[in-house]
């Protein structure tokens, strides 16, 4: 049984439904494995628990909204 996990920030219920549907369809097409065999999980992480470039995602978003350098 193929297992796909997505780690990201907070998503709406609609975004999760869309993501699960589209990941399943795409993975099935690429692999030839029926959609019914795929399991998808979404792990939401707070923006303070993720970072890149030495900054948390929270800091990067705040700077981006202000028009500062990211």
Protein backbone atom coordinates (compact mmCIF):
# COMPACT_ATOMS: atom_id res chain seq x y z
CA UNK A 1 0.00 0.00 0.00
CA UNK A 2 1.65 3.27 -1.09
CA UNK A 3 1.85 5.90 1.63
CA UNK A 4 2.31 9.61 0.93
CA UNK A 5 2.84 12.15 3.70
CA UNK A 6 2.80 15.92 3.34
CA UNK A 7 4.27 18.20 5.99
CA UNK A 8 3.22 21.83 5.78
CA UNK A 9 1.72 24.75 7.62
CA UNK A 10 -1.94 25.09 8.54
CA UNK A 11 -4.43 24.30 5.76
CA UNK A 12 -8.17 24.68 5.49
CA UNK A 13 -10.39 21.62 5.29
CA UNK A 14 -11.03 22.37 1.61
CA UNK A 15 -7.30 22.63 0.88
CA UNK A 16 -6.72 19.27 2.59
CA UNK A 17 -9.49 17.59 0.57
CA UNK A 18 -8.11 19.03 -2.65
CA UNK A 19 -4.53 18.04 -1.80
CA UNK A 20 -5.49 14.47 -0.88
CA UNK A 21 -7.53 14.09 -4.06
CA UNK A 22 -4.92 15.51 -6.40
CA UNK A 23 -1.98 13.68 -4.82
CA UNK A 24 -3.89 10.41 -5.09
CA UNK A 25 -4.89 10.93 -8.73
CA UNK A 26 -1.40 12.02 -9.79
CA UNK A 27 0.43 9.25 -7.94
CA UNK A 28 -1.95 6.66 -9.37
CA UNK A 29 -1.41 7.91 -12.92
CA UNK A 30 2.37 7.96 -12.54
CA UNK A 31 2.68 4.54 -10.87
CA UNK A 32 -0.22 2.68 -12.43
CA UNK A 33 -1.37 1.65 -8.94
CA UNK A 34 -5.14 1.97 -8.37
CA UNK A 35 -6.19 5.03 -6.34
CA UNK A 36 -7.88 2.84 -3.73
CA UNK A 37 -4.47 1.59 -2.54
CA UNK A 38 -3.02 5.00 -1.68
CA UNK A 39 -2.95 6.38 1.84
CA UNK A 40 -2.31 10.11 2.29
CA UNK A 41 -1.55 11.90 5.55
CA UNK A 42 -1.09 15.60 6.14
CA UNK A 43 1.01 16.75 9.09
CA UNK A 44 0.43 20.39 9.93
CA UNK A 45 3.30 22.16 11.61
CA UNK A 46 3.19 25.61 13.18
CA UNK A 47 5.16 28.25 11.27
CA UNK A 48 7.40 28.62 14.33
CA UNK A 49 8.45 24.95 13.98
CA UNK A 50 9.75 25.31 10.41
CA UNK A 51 12.48 27.44 8.97
CA UNK A 52 14.87 28.02 6.11
CA UNK A 53 17.65 30.46 5.48
CA UNK A 54 18.12 30.89 9.23
CA UNK A 55 14.60 32.23 9.81
CA UNK A 56 11.36 30.65 10.92
CA UNK A 57 8.55 30.55 8.39
CA UNK A 58 6.65 32.89 10.70
CA UNK A 59 9.44 35.49 10.43
CA UNK A 60 9.69 35.09 6.66
CA UNK A 61 5.94 35.54 6.18
CA UNK A 62 5.93 38.62 8.41
CA UNK A 63 8.81 40.18 6.44
CA UNK A 64 7.16 39.32 3.12
CA UNK A 65 3.89 40.99 4.15
CA UNK A 66 5.81 44.14 5.10
CA UNK A 67 7.60 44.14 1.75
CA UNK A 68 10.99 43.48 3.30
CA UNK A 69 13.77 41.27 2.08
CA UNK A 70 13.04 37.60 2.43
